[in-house]
Protein backbone atom coordinates (compact mmCIF):
# COMPACT_ATOMS: atom_id res chain seq x y z
CA MET A 1 -35.58 86.25 33.47
CA LYS A 2 -32.20 87.98 33.57
CA ILE A 3 -29.50 87.14 31.05
CA ASN A 4 -25.91 88.27 31.58
CA ASP A 5 -23.94 85.48 29.90
CA PRO A 6 -24.34 85.85 26.12
CA ASP A 7 -23.69 82.16 25.51
CA LEU A 8 -26.66 81.17 27.68
CA ILE A 9 -29.27 83.47 26.14
CA PHE A 10 -30.66 80.87 23.79
CA SER A 11 -29.82 77.76 25.77
CA LYS A 12 -32.26 74.88 25.47
CA GLU A 13 -33.55 75.55 28.98
CA ASN A 14 -34.15 79.24 28.33
CA LEU A 15 -35.87 78.60 25.01
CA TRP A 16 -38.14 75.86 26.32
CA ASP A 17 -39.03 77.90 29.38
CA SER A 18 -39.88 80.88 27.16
CA TYR A 19 -42.10 78.71 24.94
CA LEU A 20 -43.94 77.50 28.02
CA LYS A 21 -44.31 81.08 29.20
CA VAL A 22 -46.00 81.97 25.92
CA GLU A 23 -48.38 79.01 26.31
CA GLY A 24 -49.25 80.24 29.80
CA GLU A 25 -49.72 83.82 28.64
CA LEU A 26 -51.86 82.65 25.74
CA ALA A 27 -54.21 80.83 28.09
CA LYS A 28 -54.34 83.82 30.43
CA ALA A 29 -55.20 86.23 27.60
CA GLN A 30 -57.84 83.85 26.27
CA SER A 31 -59.51 83.71 29.65
CA GLN A 32 -59.41 87.51 29.92
CA ILE A 33 -61.52 87.87 26.77
CA GLY A 34 -63.81 84.95 27.60
CA LEU A 35 -62.43 82.46 25.10
CA ILE A 36 -61.59 79.75 27.65
CA PRO A 37 -62.62 79.28 31.31
CA LYS A 38 -60.63 81.32 33.83
CA LYS A 39 -60.12 78.31 36.06
CA ALA A 40 -58.56 76.33 33.22
CA ALA A 41 -56.36 79.25 32.22
CA ALA A 42 -55.13 79.71 35.79
CA ASN A 43 -54.19 76.03 35.93
CA ILE A 44 -52.32 76.23 32.63
CA TYR A 45 -50.56 79.42 33.65
CA LYS A 46 -49.44 77.91 36.95
CA ASN A 47 -47.94 74.85 35.30
CA ALA A 48 -46.41 76.52 32.24
CA LYS A 49 -42.87 76.38 33.59
CA LEU A 50 -39.98 74.14 32.63
CA SER A 51 -39.40 73.38 36.30
CA VAL A 52 -42.90 71.86 36.38
CA VAL A 53 -43.10 70.21 32.98
CA GLY A 54 -39.53 68.86 33.05
CA SER A 55 -36.88 68.83 30.33
CA ASN A 56 -36.61 65.03 30.36
CA ASN A 57 -40.33 64.62 29.72
CA ILE A 58 -40.16 66.96 26.74
CA GLU A 59 -37.08 65.24 25.36
CA LYS A 60 -38.69 61.80 25.56
CA SER A 61 -41.80 63.05 23.79
CA PHE A 62 -39.76 64.92 21.19
CA ALA A 63 -37.86 61.74 20.33
CA THR A 64 -41.18 60.33 19.15
CA THR A 65 -43.08 63.34 17.75
CA LYS A 66 -40.12 65.12 16.16
CA SER A 67 -42.14 68.28 16.84
CA LEU A 68 -40.80 70.29 19.76
CA ILE A 69 -43.80 72.55 20.36
CA LEU A 70 -46.22 69.62 20.08
CA SER A 71 -44.17 67.76 22.68
CA ILE A 72 -44.15 70.80 24.98
CA VAL A 73 -47.92 71.11 24.58
CA GLN A 74 -48.47 67.41 25.30
CA GLU A 75 -46.29 67.44 28.41
CA LEU A 76 -47.81 70.68 29.69
CA SER A 77 -51.28 69.21 29.21
CA LYS A 78 -50.33 66.21 31.34
CA LYS A 79 -49.35 68.50 34.21
CA CYS A 80 -52.66 70.34 34.08
CA SER A 81 -56.09 69.25 35.24
CA ARG A 82 -58.13 67.24 32.76
CA GLU A 83 -60.27 70.24 31.85
CA ALA A 84 -57.36 72.70 31.62
CA GLY A 85 -55.20 70.30 29.60
CA GLY A 86 -57.77 70.38 26.83
CA TYR A 87 -57.32 74.13 26.39
CA VAL A 88 -53.52 74.21 26.10
CA HIS A 89 -52.30 75.78 22.82
CA TRP A 90 -55.87 76.67 21.81
CA GLY A 91 -55.73 78.21 18.31
CA GLY A 92 -51.97 78.69 18.26
CA THR A 93 -49.37 77.23 15.93
CA THR A 94 -45.71 76.30 16.27
CA ARG A 95 -44.28 79.49 14.72
CA ASN A 96 -46.43 81.66 16.99
CA ILE A 97 -44.87 80.05 20.05
CA ILE A 98 -41.31 79.85 18.74
CA ASP A 99 -41.11 83.42 17.45
CA THR A 100 -42.80 84.97 20.46
CA GLY A 101 -40.79 82.93 22.95
CA ARG A 102 -37.54 83.69 21.19
CA ASN A 103 -38.32 87.42 21.13
CA LEU A 104 -38.92 87.40 24.87
CA LEU A 105 -35.32 86.25 25.22
CA VAL A 106 -34.13 88.75 22.63
CA ARG A 107 -35.75 91.51 24.65
CA GLU A 108 -33.86 90.54 27.80
CA ALA A 109 -30.59 90.36 25.87
CA HIS A 110 -31.38 93.68 24.22
CA ARG A 111 -31.72 95.29 27.62
CA ASN A 112 -28.08 94.42 28.28
CA ILE A 113 -27.03 95.63 24.83
CA LEU A 114 -28.67 98.97 25.64
CA LYS A 115 -27.02 99.14 29.06
CA ASN A 116 -23.64 98.60 27.42
CA LEU A 117 -24.42 101.24 24.81
CA SER A 118 -25.29 103.65 27.60
CA ILE A 119 -21.97 102.91 29.29
CA SER A 120 -20.07 103.40 26.00
CA ILE A 121 -21.64 106.80 25.38
CA LYS A 122 -20.94 107.90 28.96
CA LYS A 123 -17.30 106.78 28.80
CA LEU A 124 -16.73 108.54 25.49
CA SER A 125 -18.49 111.66 26.74
CA ASP A 126 -16.10 111.81 29.68
CA LEU A 127 -13.16 111.40 27.28
CA SER A 128 -14.47 114.13 25.01
CA ILE A 129 -14.73 116.56 27.93
CA LYS A 130 -11.28 115.70 29.24
CA TYR A 131 -9.60 116.14 25.86
CA SER A 132 -11.86 118.84 24.44
CA ASP A 133 -8.94 121.25 23.86
CA ILE A 134 -6.04 118.81 23.42
CA PRO A 135 -4.76 119.45 19.88
CA MET A 136 -3.93 116.71 17.41
CA LEU A 137 -3.62 116.22 13.68
CA GLY A 138 -6.86 115.99 11.79
CA ARG A 139 -6.67 113.53 8.93
CA THR A 140 -8.64 113.20 5.69
CA MET A 141 -8.14 110.72 2.85
CA GLY A 142 -5.45 109.08 4.97
CA GLN A 143 -3.40 112.31 4.84
CA ASN A 144 -2.72 114.97 7.44
CA ALA A 145 -5.25 117.79 7.23
CA VAL A 146 -5.75 120.63 9.76
CA PRO A 147 -5.55 120.43 13.56
CA ILE A 148 -8.50 119.37 15.68
CA SER A 149 -8.80 118.35 19.31
CA PHE A 150 -8.95 114.73 20.38
CA GLY A 151 -12.21 115.59 22.14
CA PHE A 152 -13.67 116.60 18.78
CA LYS A 153 -12.75 113.23 17.27
CA VAL A 154 -14.37 111.43 20.19
CA ALA A 155 -17.46 113.64 19.88
CA GLY A 156 -17.98 112.22 16.39
CA TRP A 157 -17.90 108.71 17.81
CA ILE A 158 -20.49 109.69 20.42
CA GLU A 159 -22.87 111.03 17.80
CA SER A 160 -22.50 107.82 15.77
CA LEU A 161 -23.49 105.78 18.84
CA ILE A 162 -26.51 108.02 19.37
CA ARG A 163 -27.52 107.36 15.76
CA LEU A 164 -27.16 103.65 16.53
CA ASP A 165 -29.63 104.10 19.37
CA SER A 166 -32.09 105.69 16.93
CA LYS A 167 -31.79 102.54 14.82
CA PHE A 168 -32.37 100.42 17.90
CA LYS A 169 -35.49 102.38 18.87
CA HIS A 170 -37.05 101.80 15.48
CA ALA A 171 -36.04 98.14 15.50
CA GLU A 172 -37.43 97.58 19.01
CA ALA A 173 -40.87 98.72 17.92
CA SER A 174 -40.61 96.31 14.99
CA ILE A 175 -39.24 93.08 16.44
CA PHE A 176 -41.24 93.29 19.64
CA THR A 177 -44.48 93.11 17.67
CA LEU A 178 -46.78 90.15 18.21
CA LEU A 179 -47.48 87.96 15.17
CA PHE A 180 -49.95 85.45 16.56
CA GLY A 181 -52.68 84.25 14.23
CA GLY A 182 -52.64 80.48 14.11
CA ALA A 183 -51.79 78.22 11.18
CA VAL A 184 -51.73 80.83 8.40
CA GLY A 185 -52.33 83.98 10.42
CA ALA A 186 -56.06 84.41 9.74
CA MET A 187 -57.04 83.54 13.34
CA HIS A 188 -59.19 80.53 12.45
CA GLY A 189 -59.10 79.03 15.95
CA PHE A 190 -60.08 82.05 18.02
CA ASN A 191 -63.86 81.96 17.58
CA GLY A 192 -64.12 85.40 15.99
CA LYS A 193 -62.17 87.06 18.81
CA GLY A 194 -58.75 86.91 17.22
CA TYR A 195 -57.83 90.57 17.19
CA LYS A 196 -59.25 91.10 20.66
CA LEU A 197 -57.14 88.17 21.84
CA THR A 198 -53.92 89.37 20.22
CA GLN A 199 -54.47 92.85 21.62
CA GLN A 200 -54.78 91.35 25.09
CA LEU A 201 -51.84 89.00 24.65
CA ALA A 202 -49.63 91.76 23.23
CA SER A 203 -50.54 93.98 26.16
CA ASN A 204 -49.74 91.24 28.67
CA LEU A 205 -46.38 90.53 27.04
CA GLY A 206 -45.50 94.19 26.56
CA PHE A 207 -45.39 93.89 22.78
CA ASN A 208 -46.92 95.92 19.97
CA ASN A 209 -49.69 94.18 18.06
CA SER A 210 -50.04 93.52 14.34
CA ILE A 211 -53.15 93.73 12.17
CA VAL A 212 -52.06 90.93 9.85
CA PRO A 213 -50.29 88.33 12.00
CA ASN A 214 -49.02 86.13 9.19
CA ARG A 215 -45.91 84.00 9.41
CA THR A 216 -44.07 85.67 6.53
CA SER A 217 -43.74 89.20 7.91
CA LEU A 218 -40.08 88.51 8.55
CA GLU A 219 -39.20 92.17 8.01
CA THR A 220 -40.04 92.72 11.69
CA SER A 221 -37.09 90.53 12.63
CA ILE A 222 -34.96 91.65 9.71
CA ASN A 223 -35.29 95.26 10.83
CA TYR A 224 -33.70 94.30 14.13
CA LEU A 225 -30.99 92.25 12.43
CA LEU A 226 -30.05 95.22 10.28
CA ALA A 227 -29.83 97.40 13.40
CA LEU A 228 -27.38 94.88 14.86
CA SER A 229 -25.36 94.96 11.62
CA PHE A 230 -25.37 98.75 11.90
CA GLN A 231 -23.93 98.32 15.39
CA GLY A 232 -21.15 96.20 13.88
CA MET A 233 -20.44 98.98 11.40
CA ILE A 234 -20.37 101.79 14.00
CA LEU A 235 -18.29 99.97 16.63
CA GLY A 236 -16.04 98.58 13.93
CA LYS A 237 -15.46 102.04 12.48
CA ILE A 238 -14.46 103.43 15.88
CA ALA A 239 -12.24 100.46 16.71
CA ASN A 240 -10.51 100.57 13.32
CA GLU A 241 -9.66 104.24 13.75
CA ILE A 242 -8.31 103.66 17.25
CA TYR A 243 -6.29 100.74 15.87
CA ILE A 244 -4.64 103.05 13.31
CA LEU A 245 -3.89 105.61 16.03
CA MET A 246 -2.16 102.80 17.97
CA SER A 247 0.33 102.16 15.15
CA GLN A 248 3.92 102.95 16.10
CA SER A 249 4.20 105.57 13.37
CA ILE A 250 1.38 107.51 15.10
CA ASN A 251 1.35 106.16 18.69
CA GLU A 252 -1.35 108.54 19.94
CA ILE A 253 -3.32 105.80 21.68
CA SER A 254 -2.23 102.49 23.19
CA GLU A 255 -3.78 99.57 25.02
CA LYS A 256 -2.91 98.76 28.62
CA GLN A 257 -0.67 95.73 28.88
CA THR A 258 -1.14 93.16 31.62
CA LYS A 259 1.83 91.85 33.60
CA GLY A 260 3.70 89.25 31.59
CA GLN A 261 1.88 90.05 28.34
CA VAL A 262 3.93 89.16 25.25
CA GLY A 263 3.41 90.67 21.80
CA SER A 264 5.12 88.09 19.63
CA SER A 265 6.56 84.61 19.96
CA THR A 266 9.58 85.59 17.87
CA MET A 267 10.01 89.38 18.05
CA PRO A 268 10.89 90.44 21.61
CA HIS A 269 10.29 94.12 20.89
CA LYS A 270 6.65 93.66 19.86
CA VAL A 271 3.86 95.11 22.01
CA ASN A 272 0.60 94.23 20.30
CA PRO A 273 -2.92 95.29 21.28
CA VAL A 274 -5.27 92.43 22.11
CA ILE A 275 -8.76 93.58 23.08
CA ILE A 276 -9.22 95.92 20.14
CA LEU A 277 -8.49 93.09 17.71
CA GLN A 278 -11.36 91.11 19.22
CA VAL A 279 -13.66 94.12 18.81
CA ILE A 280 -12.65 94.54 15.16
CA GLU A 281 -13.15 90.83 14.48
CA GLU A 282 -16.58 90.58 16.12
CA ALA A 283 -17.76 93.84 14.56
CA ALA A 284 -16.79 92.61 11.09
CA ILE A 285 -18.64 89.32 11.55
CA LEU A 286 -21.74 91.11 12.86
CA ARG A 287 -22.02 93.63 10.04
CA GLY A 288 -21.23 90.88 7.55
CA LYS A 289 -24.53 89.20 8.42
CA ALA A 290 -26.43 92.03 6.71
CA SER A 291 -26.29 90.42 3.26
CA THR A 292 -27.69 87.11 4.49
CA THR A 293 -30.30 89.02 6.47
CA ILE A 294 -31.66 90.77 3.37
CA GLU A 295 -31.70 87.51 1.44
CA ALA A 296 -33.74 85.90 4.22
CA GLY A 297 -36.65 88.27 3.67
CA MET A 298 -38.12 86.33 0.75
CA PRO A 299 -40.64 83.83 2.20
CA LEU A 300 -43.58 82.60 0.15
CA HIS A 301 -47.33 82.78 0.72
CA GLU A 302 -48.57 82.51 4.32
CA GLY A 303 -45.80 80.38 5.75
CA ASP A 304 -42.34 79.29 4.63
CA LEU A 305 -40.24 77.36 7.13
CA ARG A 306 -37.09 77.71 5.02
CA TYR A 307 -36.79 81.41 5.70
CA ASN A 308 -38.22 81.21 9.21
CA LYS A 309 -35.31 78.97 10.13
CA ILE A 310 -32.74 81.25 8.51
CA VAL A 311 -34.07 84.29 10.37
CA ASP A 312 -34.36 82.34 13.60
CA ASN A 313 -30.70 81.32 13.44
CA LEU A 314 -29.61 84.81 12.40
CA ILE A 315 -31.49 86.37 15.32
CA LYS A 316 -29.89 84.00 17.81
CA ASP A 317 -26.36 84.29 16.42
CA SER A 318 -26.50 88.06 15.92
CA THR A 319 -28.02 88.85 19.30
CA VAL A 320 -25.35 86.84 21.09
CA LEU A 321 -22.61 88.42 18.98
CA SER A 322 -24.05 91.90 19.53
CA LEU A 323 -24.04 91.51 23.30
CA LYS A 324 -20.49 90.13 23.29
CA LEU A 325 -19.35 92.96 21.04
CA SER A 326 -20.93 95.63 23.24
CA GLN A 327 -19.21 94.14 26.30
CA LYS A 328 -15.86 93.87 24.53
CA PHE A 329 -16.13 97.42 23.20
CA ASN A 330 -16.47 98.76 26.74
CA SER A 331 -13.55 96.63 27.86
CA MET A 332 -11.54 98.20 25.05
CA LEU A 333 -12.51 101.71 26.20
CA ASN A 334 -11.52 100.85 29.77
CA ASN A 335 -8.07 99.80 28.60
CA LEU A 336 -7.19 102.76 26.38
CA LEU A 337 -4.21 104.95 27.18
CA ILE A 338 -4.39 108.39 25.56
CA ASN A 339 -0.95 109.82 24.72
CA SER A 340 -1.76 113.53 24.48
CA LYS A 341 1.92 114.48 24.47
CA GLN A 342 2.49 112.34 21.39
CA MET A 343 -0.53 113.97 19.75
CA GLN A 344 1.15 117.34 20.27
CA ARG A 345 4.52 116.06 19.07
CA ASN A 346 2.98 114.63 15.90
CA LEU A 347 1.28 117.94 15.26
CA LEU A 348 4.37 120.06 15.84
CA ASN A 349 6.58 117.68 13.86
CA GLU A 350 4.30 118.01 10.85
CA LYS A 351 5.11 120.41 8.02
CA ASP A 352 5.24 124.05 9.04
CA TYR A 353 2.33 124.76 6.72
CA ILE A 354 -0.18 122.43 8.47
CA ALA A 355 -2.15 125.49 9.63
CA SER A 356 -1.75 127.36 6.32
CA GLU A 357 -5.54 127.40 5.97
CA ASN A 358 -5.58 129.91 8.82
CA LEU A 359 -3.16 132.14 6.93
CA MET A 360 -5.34 131.83 3.84
CA TYR A 361 -8.41 133.09 5.69
CA LYS A 362 -6.49 135.93 7.32
CA LEU A 363 -4.95 136.99 4.01
CA GLY A 364 -8.30 136.47 2.27
CA LYS A 365 -9.71 139.47 4.11
CA TYR A 366 -7.41 141.62 2.00
CA LEU A 367 -7.12 139.65 -1.25
CA GLY A 368 -10.24 137.51 -1.32
CA ARG A 369 -10.28 133.83 -0.41
CA GLN A 370 -9.44 132.39 -3.84
CA GLU A 371 -6.50 134.70 -4.56
CA ALA A 372 -5.12 134.06 -1.08
CA HIS A 373 -5.53 130.31 -1.58
CA ASP A 374 -3.69 130.35 -4.91
CA LEU A 375 -0.80 132.40 -3.53
CA ILE A 376 -0.27 130.20 -0.48
CA HIS A 377 -0.64 127.01 -2.55
CA LEU A 378 2.04 128.23 -4.96
CA ILE A 379 4.44 129.12 -2.13
CA ILE A 380 3.97 125.69 -0.49
CA LYS A 381 4.42 123.90 -3.81
CA LYS A 382 7.71 125.72 -4.45
CA SER A 383 8.95 125.13 -0.90
CA ILE A 384 8.33 121.39 -1.21
CA LYS A 385 10.03 121.24 -4.62
CA ASN A 386 13.11 123.10 -3.36
CA ASN A 387 13.09 121.49 0.12
CA LEU A 388 12.66 124.86 1.84
CA SER A 389 10.70 125.97 4.87
CA ALA A 390 7.24 127.11 3.84
CA LYS A 391 7.10 129.39 6.85
CA GLU A 392 10.27 131.16 5.74
CA GLN A 393 8.83 131.56 2.27
CA PHE A 394 5.67 133.04 3.72
CA LEU A 395 7.70 135.53 5.76
CA ASN A 396 9.72 136.56 2.69
CA ASP A 397 6.75 136.92 0.38
CA PRO A 398 6.14 140.63 -0.39
CA VAL A 399 2.36 140.29 -0.48
CA ILE A 400 2.09 138.47 2.86
CA SER A 401 4.69 140.69 4.55
CA LYS A 402 2.71 143.73 3.42
CA TYR A 403 -0.13 142.73 5.76
CA PHE A 404 1.52 140.65 8.49
CA THR A 405 4.58 140.93 10.69
CA THR A 406 6.88 138.03 11.45
CA ALA A 407 5.17 137.61 14.83
CA ASP A 408 1.77 137.65 13.14
CA VAL A 409 2.74 134.86 10.74
CA GLU A 410 4.32 132.82 13.54
CA ASN A 411 1.10 133.10 15.55
CA ILE A 412 -1.20 132.40 12.60
CA LEU A 413 0.73 129.26 11.65
CA ASN A 414 0.87 127.87 15.21
CA PRO A 415 -1.08 124.59 14.86
CA LEU A 416 -1.69 124.36 18.60
CA LYS A 417 -3.87 127.45 18.37
CA TYR A 418 -5.78 126.44 15.27
CA ILE A 419 -8.33 123.80 16.27
CA GLY A 420 -11.42 125.63 15.08
CA GLU A 421 -14.47 125.11 17.27
CA SER A 422 -13.28 121.69 18.40
CA LYS A 423 -13.61 122.49 22.10
CA LYS A 424 -17.07 124.01 21.77
CA ILE A 425 -18.33 121.04 19.73
CA SER A 426 -16.72 118.52 22.10
CA LEU A 427 -18.35 120.02 25.17
CA LYS A 428 -21.75 120.36 23.50
CA MET A 429 -21.71 116.77 22.23
CA SER A 430 -20.48 115.44 25.57
CA LYS A 431 -23.29 117.15 27.44
CA PHE A 432 -25.81 115.69 25.01
CA GLY A 433 -24.10 112.29 25.19
CA ILE A 434 -24.39 112.13 28.97
CA LYS A 435 -28.08 113.02 28.69
CA LYS A 436 -28.66 110.32 26.06
CA ALA A 437 -26.72 107.74 28.06
CA THR A 438 -29.06 108.35 30.99
CA GLU A 439 -32.12 108.03 28.74
CA ILE A 440 -30.89 104.81 27.14
CA HIS A 441 -30.19 103.23 30.52
CA ALA A 442 -33.67 104.20 31.72
CA ARG A 443 -35.19 102.61 28.61
CA SER A 444 -33.22 99.42 29.17
CA THR A 445 -34.74 99.00 32.63
CA SER A 446 -38.33 99.93 31.71
CA LYS A 447 -40.87 97.13 31.80
CA ASN A 448 -41.44 96.85 28.06
CA LEU A 449 -38.53 98.85 26.68
CA LEU A 450 -41.05 101.65 26.17
CA ILE A 451 -42.51 99.83 23.19
CA ARG A 452 -44.20 102.41 20.98
C-alpha cells in the first residue's frame, strides 16, 4: 500500500484492509509453524482483503456486534471455506489486530516522512554550500553578536535534522515491534508455540519481535510519538528563526509572493508570509502533544483500553500531522528568498565595534586576553556613553596604536572578514548532510525500514 495523501492514511478503508491483512498474515505464519493446516491458511490469506470481504458486510455486522474486529473475523470466515473459516483469528485478540494493522499504515506514512526529511536535508545542504562564505550578523540572546556566514547558520539546522533522524531510527525499532500474545499476552491460544509463531509473524511483517507481548507496553508507541514531537520542536525552531529573519527590521529572508497575493485586508503596504506561518502552527501543535503522550503511558495490569485508545488516537493524529508538517516545511524551503545583500548591509550598518573580539585576540598576544578584553570593553563603554565612534577611539588609544597602525585596525575591525571558520564548518556539514540525505532516502525505500 502506498500513502501520499496524509488525510487518507487512516481512512476506514485503509484501516479495515490492514486489519484483514494481519488476519491473513497470522494464518500464514501459523501454517508455517504447523499450528493450522496450510490449505486453510492459504484460503484465509487469499480472502483477507477488504475487496473480498466487503465494507458493507462488515458495517452490517458491526451494527449488531459493536465489536469491529469480531465483525471483520465473522465476515472473513464467511468468505473462506468451511474448514478455513474455523481457523480465522486463531489465538489472537482485538488489540493484537488493531495495533499491528495500524502500525503497518504508520510504517507506510513514515516512509514518506523520511523521504521528506531527506529532501529537507538536501535542500538545506545546497543552501549551506551556496552561502558558506556570505557574511551576516550572528545573534545571541536576541542581541547582535559577532559575524558568521549564512551557510554556518543553515549548517546548524542541518545537524538538528540529522539528530531528528537519530530519534526516528530509535523510534522505528520500537514502534515496529510485534506485540501479539492473545487476550493478556501470555499466548494461551497458540498451543505452546507462541514465541515461535510471533517470531515467524514478525519476520513476515518485517517487524521486530517482543519477548513479553502484553497489551500495556505502550512505551513502544510512545517512543515514536515523542520522536514526532521532537520533529515539531526541530522544524518549529528553524521556522521561527526564519520568521524573525523575515521581519522588516531585519529583512534577510523573505517568502515568494504569488501573483495577486495580498498581505492585509486593511493595510495596502503589508506583505505577509503565508507558508511559514502554517509550518509554525503545525509544528507547535505536534510538539504540544508530548505532554499528553507521556500521560498516556500509564495503563494497568495486562490490558487497559482507556490508554490504548488514547495512544491509538495520538498515533493517528500525530502521524498525519507529522507528514503534513514535513511536506509544508519543504514547501517553505522552496519558497525562500535569501537577501544576501541585506545581510551584508545589516552587518556593515551595525556598530563599528561588532568585530571588536578580533581586536581583543590580536591585542591579547601582547597584553594577554583578559587585559585586552578589559581595555577594549572600557573604550566601547565610553564611546557609547559619549556617542563617539569606537573605531576612532581605538585608533587614538596609545596602547592599541603602539601595536597596530590605522590600516591594521581598519582591517581587524572589518566584519566582512571576521566570520571565523564559518565557511569550513558549512562545507563540512553540507557534505555530511548530502550523505545522510542519501542514506535516509535509501532507508525509506527499504522493505522493512531496515528494522534493527
